[in-house]
């Protein structure tokens, strides 16, 4: 798998921001088939940081209804990446 395609997007939420401030973690939305080792390689290559630990969580897509038609959102995976002390990833620089 292409390392650039492993990370879908950063997850910018209150919980993710708090994890970043407390324990130097960054939260990413990653491909469902990505392993922890693949996520570690992708983050280290793309952002030039040292990764200490990766934790992942799988989320089931929610059911949605639009009138009579029922559908389902896609399943997705979230990765909590712990960085080495002193390393940082800034998503909003200059703000």
Protein backbone atom coordinates (compact mmCIF):
# COMPACT_ATOMS: atom_id res chain seq x y z
CA UNK A 1 0.00 0.00 0.00
CA UNK A 2 1.17 3.52 -0.79
CA UNK A 3 2.25 5.28 2.44
CA UNK A 4 0.68 8.59 1.38
CA UNK A 5 -2.70 6.84 1.03
CA UNK A 6 -2.65 5.35 4.55
CA UNK A 7 -3.53 8.60 6.35
CA UNK A 8 -6.90 9.98 5.23
CA UNK A 9 -7.07 13.11 7.39
CA UNK A 10 -6.31 14.50 10.84
CA UNK A 11 -9.12 14.38 13.37
CA UNK A 12 -9.46 17.83 14.95
CA UNK A 13 -11.78 17.49 17.95
CA UNK A 14 -11.75 18.58 21.58
CA UNK A 15 -10.77 15.09 22.69
CA UNK A 16 -7.95 14.91 20.15
CA UNK A 17 -6.64 18.35 21.07
CA UNK A 18 -6.67 17.43 24.76
CA UNK A 19 -4.74 14.21 24.01
CA UNK A 20 -2.19 16.28 22.11
CA UNK A 21 -1.68 18.68 24.99
CA UNK A 22 -1.55 16.04 27.72
CA UNK A 23 0.44 13.19 26.21
CA UNK A 24 1.92 14.46 22.91
CA UNK A 25 -0.52 12.47 20.74
CA UNK A 26 -1.98 13.19 17.32
CA UNK A 27 -5.21 11.65 16.02
CA UNK A 28 -5.63 10.60 12.39
CA UNK A 29 -8.38 9.02 10.35
CA UNK A 30 -6.67 6.13 8.51
CA UNK A 31 -7.63 3.51 5.93
CA UNK A 32 -9.54 0.57 7.40
CA UNK A 33 -7.02 -1.99 6.17
CA UNK A 34 -3.98 -0.11 7.55
CA UNK A 35 -2.00 -1.86 10.28
CA UNK A 36 -0.25 -0.13 13.18
CA UNK A 37 3.16 -0.67 11.55
CA UNK A 38 1.93 0.91 8.31
CA UNK A 39 0.52 3.92 10.18
CA UNK A 40 3.84 4.32 12.04
CA UNK A 41 5.84 4.26 8.78
CA UNK A 42 3.49 6.73 7.08
CA UNK A 43 3.56 9.28 9.92
CA UNK A 44 7.34 9.08 10.29
CA UNK A 45 7.88 9.52 6.54
CA UNK A 46 5.32 12.27 5.90
CA UNK A 47 5.88 14.44 8.98
CA UNK A 48 9.56 13.65 9.81
CA UNK A 49 8.87 12.77 13.46
CA UNK A 50 9.61 9.78 15.71
CA UNK A 51 6.59 7.64 16.65
CA UNK A 52 6.66 5.84 20.00
CA UNK A 53 3.26 4.12 19.99
CA UNK A 54 0.19 3.69 17.78
CA UNK A 55 -3.28 2.77 19.05
CA UNK A 56 -6.16 2.14 16.66
CA UNK A 57 -9.94 2.03 16.98
CA UNK A 58 -12.45 0.70 14.46
CA UNK A 59 -15.79 2.47 14.09
CA UNK A 60 -18.92 1.05 12.49
CA UNK A 61 -20.72 3.33 10.06
CA UNK A 62 -24.03 4.68 11.31
CA UNK A 63 -27.35 3.90 9.69
CA UNK A 64 -28.99 6.91 8.05
CA UNK A 65 -32.49 7.43 6.72
CA UNK A 66 -33.77 9.85 4.21
CA UNK A 67 -37.51 9.36 4.23
CA UNK A 68 -38.19 5.75 3.33
CA UNK A 69 -34.73 5.08 1.91
CA UNK A 70 -32.27 3.57 4.36
CA UNK A 71 -28.53 3.71 3.96
CA UNK A 72 -25.35 3.24 5.88
CA UNK A 73 -22.24 5.39 6.24
CA UNK A 74 -18.88 3.72 5.66
CA UNK A 75 -16.93 2.02 8.45
CA UNK A 76 -13.71 3.83 9.41
CA UNK A 77 -10.61 3.59 11.56
CA UNK A 78 -8.97 6.12 13.89
CA UNK A 79 -5.33 6.04 15.01
CA UNK A 80 -3.87 7.71 18.11
CA UNK A 81 -0.17 8.28 17.41
CA UNK A 82 2.15 9.04 20.36
CA UNK A 83 5.16 11.15 19.36
CA UNK A 84 8.60 11.39 20.96
CA UNK A 85 9.03 14.21 23.46
CA UNK A 86 9.94 17.38 21.59
CA UNK A 87 8.38 16.31 18.25
CA UNK A 88 5.25 18.14 17.12
CA UNK A 89 2.89 18.12 14.16
CA UNK A 90 1.19 21.49 13.57
CA UNK A 91 -1.95 21.47 11.45
CA UNK A 92 -2.78 25.17 11.89
CA UNK A 93 0.47 27.08 11.83
CA UNK A 94 0.37 30.81 12.38
CA UNK A 95 -3.07 30.84 13.99
